[in-house]
């Protein structure tokens, strides 16, 4: 779904007219119509205000849900890490940082 279609869907899902959304975020109704028609793209500030008005994250107003989830297994593992005591989280983060920095190509190291 395009950003234009996503914006239209989210607005309608919240039961707002184009005019009501425009007023809530401080734009003219014609600008909302252009966004939803795909003839104009919202600025970051407009995306932020729109997301706040529609009670969604900026990411969810731009991306499809499947575009944001990298891997279900990894998501579960990161969730488990988030629930660990602070000291275990710190050690785990250090291990991940050490591993990820060792796998990233650097300017002085051959790929």
N, C-alpha and C. Protein backbone atom coordinates (compact mmCIF):
# COMPACT_ATOMS: atom_id res chain seq x y z
N UNK A 1 0.86 -1.18 0.00
CA UNK A 1 0.00 0.00 0.00
C UNK A 1 0.90 1.24 0.00
N UNK A 2 0.58 2.19 -0.84
CA UNK A 2 1.36 3.42 -0.93
C UNK A 2 1.14 4.29 0.32
N UNK A 3 2.00 5.27 0.49
CA UNK A 3 1.83 6.20 1.61
C UNK A 3 0.50 6.92 1.47
N UNK A 4 0.13 7.28 0.23
CA UNK A 4 -1.14 7.97 -0.01
C UNK A 4 -2.32 7.10 0.44
N UNK A 5 -2.31 5.84 0.03
CA UNK A 5 -3.40 4.92 0.40
C UNK A 5 -3.40 4.65 1.90
N UNK A 6 -2.21 4.55 2.48
CA UNK A 6 -2.09 4.29 3.92
C UNK A 6 -2.67 5.47 4.72
N UNK A 7 -2.34 6.68 4.30
CA UNK A 7 -2.86 7.86 4.99
C UNK A 7 -4.38 7.90 4.91
N UNK A 8 -4.91 7.65 3.74
CA UNK A 8 -6.37 7.64 3.55
C UNK A 8 -7.02 6.58 4.43
N UNK A 9 -6.42 5.38 4.44
CA UNK A 9 -6.95 4.28 5.25
C UNK A 9 -6.96 4.64 6.73
N UNK A 10 -5.83 5.14 7.22
CA UNK A 10 -5.72 5.46 8.64
C UNK A 10 -6.69 6.58 9.04
N UNK A 11 -6.82 7.58 8.18
CA UNK A 11 -7.74 8.68 8.46
C UNK A 11 -9.17 8.18 8.54
N UNK A 12 -9.58 7.39 7.56
CA UNK A 12 -10.94 6.85 7.54
C UNK A 12 -11.17 5.90 8.72
N UNK A 13 -10.16 5.12 9.05
CA UNK A 13 -10.26 4.19 10.19
C UNK A 13 -10.53 4.93 11.50
N UNK A 14 -9.98 6.13 11.62
CA UNK A 14 -10.21 6.96 12.81
C UNK A 14 -11.51 7.76 12.71
N UNK A 15 -12.19 7.66 11.56
CA UNK A 15 -13.45 8.36 11.39
C UNK A 15 -13.32 9.85 11.17
N UNK A 16 -12.18 10.28 10.63
CA UNK A 16 -11.95 11.70 10.39
C UNK A 16 -12.17 12.04 8.92
N UNK A 17 -12.71 13.20 8.68
CA UNK A 17 -12.80 13.72 7.32
C UNK A 17 -11.44 14.32 6.95
N UNK A 18 -11.25 14.58 5.68
CA UNK A 18 -10.01 15.23 5.26
C UNK A 18 -9.90 16.61 5.92
N UNK A 19 -11.02 17.28 6.02
CA UNK A 19 -11.03 18.61 6.64
C UNK A 19 -10.64 18.54 8.12
N UNK A 20 -11.21 17.56 8.83
CA UNK A 20 -10.90 17.43 10.26
C UNK A 20 -9.42 17.12 10.48
N UNK A 21 -8.86 16.24 9.65
CA UNK A 21 -7.43 15.93 9.77
C UNK A 21 -6.60 17.17 9.45
N UNK A 22 -6.96 17.86 8.39
CA UNK A 22 -6.22 19.08 8.01
C UNK A 22 -6.22 20.10 9.15
N UNK A 23 -7.37 20.32 9.74
CA UNK A 23 -7.46 21.27 10.85
C UNK A 23 -6.64 20.82 12.04
N UNK A 24 -6.66 19.52 12.32
CA UNK A 24 -5.93 18.99 13.48
C UNK A 24 -4.42 19.15 13.34
N UNK A 25 -3.92 19.09 12.10
CA UNK A 25 -2.47 19.18 11.92
C UNK A 25 -2.02 20.52 11.34
N UNK A 26 -2.97 21.43 11.16
CA UNK A 26 -2.63 22.78 10.74
C UNK A 26 -2.33 22.94 9.26
N UNK A 27 -3.00 22.15 8.43
CA UNK A 27 -2.83 22.26 6.98
C UNK A 27 -4.17 22.57 6.32
N UNK A 28 -4.12 22.92 5.07
CA UNK A 28 -5.34 23.15 4.31
C UNK A 28 -5.86 21.81 3.80
N UNK A 29 -7.15 21.68 3.69
CA UNK A 29 -7.77 20.45 3.22
C UNK A 29 -7.21 20.01 1.87
N UNK A 30 -6.93 20.97 1.00
CA UNK A 30 -6.41 20.63 -0.33
C UNK A 30 -5.07 19.89 -0.24
N UNK A 31 -4.29 20.19 0.80
CA UNK A 31 -3.01 19.50 0.96
C UNK A 31 -3.24 18.04 1.34
N UNK A 32 -4.19 17.78 2.21
CA UNK A 32 -4.52 16.39 2.57
C UNK A 32 -4.99 15.66 1.32
N UNK A 33 -5.81 16.30 0.50
CA UNK A 33 -6.28 15.69 -0.74
C UNK A 33 -5.10 15.34 -1.65
N UNK A 34 -4.11 16.23 -1.74
CA UNK A 34 -2.93 15.94 -2.56
C UNK A 34 -2.14 14.77 -2.00
N UNK A 35 -1.99 14.73 -0.67
CA UNK A 35 -1.29 13.60 -0.05
C UNK A 35 -1.99 12.29 -0.39
N UNK A 36 -3.31 12.27 -0.23
CA UNK A 36 -4.07 11.04 -0.44
C UNK A 36 -4.17 10.66 -1.91
N UNK A 37 -4.03 11.64 -2.80
CA UNK A 37 -4.04 11.36 -4.24
C UNK A 37 -2.66 10.91 -4.73
N UNK A 38 -1.65 11.13 -3.89
CA UNK A 38 -0.30 10.76 -4.26
C UNK A 38 0.39 11.79 -5.14
N UNK A 39 -0.18 12.97 -5.26
CA UNK A 39 0.43 14.02 -6.08
C UNK A 39 1.40 14.88 -5.29
N UNK A 40 1.41 14.71 -3.98
CA UNK A 40 2.32 15.44 -3.10
C UNK A 40 2.67 14.51 -1.95
N UNK A 41 3.87 14.66 -1.43
CA UNK A 41 4.30 13.83 -0.30
C UNK A 41 4.43 14.69 0.95
N UNK A 42 3.95 14.17 2.07
CA UNK A 42 4.03 14.95 3.31
C UNK A 42 5.47 15.14 3.79
N UNK A 43 5.71 16.27 4.41
CA UNK A 43 7.01 16.52 5.02
C UNK A 43 7.12 15.66 6.28
N UNK A 44 8.32 15.59 6.82
CA UNK A 44 8.50 14.83 8.07
C UNK A 44 7.64 15.43 9.19
N UNK A 45 7.56 16.75 9.22
CA UNK A 45 6.75 17.40 10.25
C UNK A 45 5.27 17.04 10.08
N UNK A 46 4.79 17.00 8.84
CA UNK A 46 3.40 16.62 8.57
C UNK A 46 3.16 15.16 8.95
N UNK A 47 4.13 14.29 8.66
CA UNK A 47 4.01 12.87 9.03
C UNK A 47 3.92 12.75 10.54
N UNK A 48 4.77 13.48 11.24
CA UNK A 48 4.78 13.44 12.70
C UNK A 48 3.44 13.90 13.27
N UNK A 49 2.94 15.03 12.79
CA UNK A 49 1.66 15.56 13.29
C UNK A 49 0.50 14.63 12.94
N UNK A 50 0.53 14.08 11.73
CA UNK A 50 -0.52 13.16 11.30
C UNK A 50 -0.53 11.91 12.16
N UNK A 51 0.64 11.34 12.38
CA UNK A 51 0.74 10.13 13.21
C UNK A 51 0.22 10.40 14.62
N UNK A 52 0.59 11.54 15.17
CA UNK A 52 0.13 11.89 16.52
C UNK A 52 -1.39 12.04 16.55
N UNK A 53 -1.95 12.70 15.54
CA UNK A 53 -3.39 12.91 15.46
C UNK A 53 -4.14 11.60 15.30
N UNK A 54 -3.57 10.69 14.49
CA UNK A 54 -4.23 9.41 14.22
C UNK A 54 -3.89 8.34 15.26
N UNK A 55 -3.06 8.70 16.25
CA UNK A 55 -2.65 7.79 17.33
C UNK A 55 -1.95 6.54 16.79
N UNK A 56 -1.03 6.77 15.86
CA UNK A 56 -0.20 5.70 15.32
C UNK A 56 1.25 6.17 15.35
N UNK A 57 2.18 5.26 15.14
CA UNK A 57 3.57 5.66 15.05
C UNK A 57 3.84 6.21 13.66
N UNK A 58 4.86 7.02 13.53
CA UNK A 58 5.25 7.52 12.22
C UNK A 58 5.60 6.36 11.30
N UNK A 59 6.30 5.36 11.84
CA UNK A 59 6.65 4.19 11.04
C UNK A 59 5.43 3.51 10.47
N UNK A 60 4.40 3.32 11.30
CA UNK A 60 3.23 2.61 10.81
C UNK A 60 2.42 3.43 9.81
N UNK A 61 2.63 4.74 9.80
CA UNK A 61 1.94 5.55 8.81
C UNK A 61 2.66 5.55 7.47
N UNK A 62 3.90 5.08 7.46
CA UNK A 62 4.70 5.06 6.24
C UNK A 62 4.89 3.64 5.70
N UNK A 63 5.23 2.72 6.60
CA UNK A 63 5.57 1.37 6.19
C UNK A 63 4.44 0.39 6.42
N UNK A 64 4.44 -0.67 5.61
CA UNK A 64 3.55 -1.80 5.85
C UNK A 64 4.11 -2.56 7.05
N UNK A 65 3.25 -3.28 7.74
CA UNK A 65 3.69 -4.01 8.92
C UNK A 65 4.80 -5.01 8.59
N UNK A 66 4.69 -5.70 7.45
CA UNK A 66 5.70 -6.69 7.09
C UNK A 66 7.03 -6.06 6.67
N UNK A 67 7.04 -4.76 6.40
CA UNK A 67 8.29 -4.08 6.07
C UNK A 67 9.09 -3.76 7.33
N UNK A 68 8.45 -3.77 8.47
CA UNK A 68 9.11 -3.37 9.71
C UNK A 68 9.62 -4.56 10.53
N UNK A 69 9.05 -5.72 10.34
CA UNK A 69 9.44 -6.89 11.13
C UNK A 69 10.53 -7.64 10.38
N UNK A 70 11.71 -7.64 10.96
CA UNK A 70 12.84 -8.28 10.30
C UNK A 70 12.74 -9.80 10.36
N UNK A 71 12.50 -10.33 11.52
CA UNK A 71 12.51 -11.77 11.70
C UNK A 71 11.80 -12.07 13.02
N UNK A 72 10.80 -12.92 12.98
CA UNK A 72 10.01 -13.21 14.17
C UNK A 72 10.86 -13.82 15.28
N UNK A 73 11.77 -14.73 14.92
CA UNK A 73 12.62 -15.35 15.93
C UNK A 73 13.52 -14.33 16.62
N UNK A 74 14.10 -13.43 15.81
CA UNK A 74 14.96 -12.40 16.40
C UNK A 74 14.15 -11.45 17.27
N UNK A 75 12.94 -11.13 16.82
CA UNK A 75 12.08 -10.25 17.61
C UNK A 75 11.80 -10.86 18.98
N UNK A 76 11.54 -12.15 19.02
CA UNK A 76 11.30 -12.83 20.30
C UNK A 76 12.56 -12.81 21.17
N UNK A 77 13.70 -13.00 20.55
CA UNK A 77 14.94 -12.98 21.32
C UNK A 77 15.22 -11.59 21.88
N UNK A 78 14.99 -10.56 21.08
CA UNK A 78 15.20 -9.20 21.57
C UNK A 78 14.19 -8.86 22.67
N UNK A 79 12.99 -9.38 22.55
CA UNK A 79 12.00 -9.17 23.61
C UNK A 79 12.47 -9.84 24.91
N UNK A 80 13.02 -11.04 24.79
CA UNK A 80 13.54 -11.73 25.97
C UNK A 80 14.69 -10.94 26.60
N UNK A 81 15.55 -10.39 25.78
CA UNK A 81 16.66 -9.58 26.28
C UNK A 81 16.13 -8.35 27.01
N UNK A 82 15.09 -7.73 26.46
CA UNK A 82 14.51 -6.54 27.08
C UNK A 82 13.94 -6.83 28.46
N UNK A 83 13.58 -8.08 28.71
CA UNK A 83 13.02 -8.45 30.00
C UNK A 83 14.05 -8.97 31.00
N UNK A 84 15.30 -8.99 30.60
CA UNK A 84 16.38 -9.44 31.49
C UNK A 84 16.69 -8.35 32.51
N UNK A 85 17.29 -8.74 33.63
CA UNK A 85 17.78 -7.72 34.58
C UNK A 85 18.82 -6.84 33.89
N UNK A 86 18.98 -5.63 34.39
CA UNK A 86 19.87 -4.63 33.76
C UNK A 86 21.28 -5.15 33.50
N UNK A 87 21.85 -5.87 34.47
CA UNK A 87 23.22 -6.34 34.31
C UNK A 87 23.31 -7.36 33.17
N UNK A 88 22.36 -8.26 33.06
CA UNK A 88 22.36 -9.24 31.97
C UNK A 88 22.13 -8.54 30.62
N UNK A 89 21.28 -7.52 30.62
CA UNK A 89 21.07 -6.76 29.38
C UNK A 89 22.37 -6.11 28.94
N UNK A 90 23.09 -5.53 29.89
CA UNK A 90 24.34 -4.84 29.57
C UNK A 90 25.36 -5.81 28.97
N UNK A 91 25.50 -6.99 29.56
CA UNK A 91 26.45 -7.98 29.05
C UNK A 91 26.02 -8.44 27.66
N UNK A 92 24.74 -8.69 27.49
CA UNK A 92 24.23 -9.13 26.19
C UNK A 92 24.47 -8.06 25.12
N UNK A 93 24.22 -6.81 25.46
CA UNK A 93 24.45 -5.72 24.51
C UNK A 93 25.93 -5.63 24.13
N UNK A 94 26.81 -5.81 25.13
CA UNK A 94 28.24 -5.76 24.84
C UNK A 94 28.64 -6.89 23.89
N UNK A 95 28.09 -8.07 24.11
CA UNK A 95 28.38 -9.20 23.22
C UNK A 95 27.88 -8.93 21.80
N UNK A 96 26.66 -8.41 21.69
CA UNK A 96 26.11 -8.11 20.37
C UNK A 96 26.91 -7.02 19.67
N UNK A 97 27.31 -5.99 20.41
CA UNK A 97 28.11 -4.91 19.82
C UNK A 97 29.46 -5.42 19.35
N UNK A 98 30.09 -6.28 20.16
CA UNK A 98 31.38 -6.84 19.78
C UNK A 98 31.23 -7.71 18.53
N UNK A 99 30.20 -8.53 18.50
CA UNK A 99 29.98 -9.38 17.34
C UNK A 99 29.66 -8.56 16.09
N UNK A 100 28.76 -7.58 16.22
CA UNK A 100 28.36 -6.82 15.04
C UNK A 100 29.51 -5.96 14.52
N UNK A 101 30.34 -5.43 15.41
CA UNK A 101 31.47 -4.63 14.93
C UNK A 101 32.51 -5.51 14.27
N UNK A 102 32.62 -6.77 14.67
CA UNK A 102 33.60 -7.67 14.05
C UNK A 102 33.13 -8.16 12.69
N UNK A 103 31.84 -8.08 12.40
CA UNK A 103 31.32 -8.55 11.11
C UNK A 103 31.14 -7.42 10.11
N UNK A 104 31.22 -6.16 10.57
CA UNK A 104 31.10 -5.01 9.67
C UNK A 104 32.41 -4.76 8.96
N UNK A 105 32.34 -4.51 7.65
CA UNK A 105 33.59 -4.15 6.96
C UNK A 105 34.06 -2.77 7.44
N UNK A 106 35.34 -2.62 7.60
CA UNK A 106 35.88 -1.31 7.99
C UNK A 106 36.77 -0.81 6.87
N UNK A 107 37.12 0.46 6.93
CA UNK A 107 37.90 1.09 5.87
C UNK A 107 39.27 0.44 5.72
N UNK A 108 39.88 0.02 6.81
CA UNK A 108 41.23 -0.53 6.75
C UNK A 108 41.28 -2.04 6.63
N UNK A 109 40.15 -2.72 6.65
CA UNK A 109 40.13 -4.17 6.64
C UNK A 109 39.55 -4.66 5.30
N UNK A 110 40.19 -5.63 4.67
CA UNK A 110 39.64 -6.16 3.41
C UNK A 110 38.30 -6.85 3.66
N UNK A 111 37.43 -6.76 2.66
CA UNK A 111 36.11 -7.39 2.78
C UNK A 111 36.16 -8.86 2.52
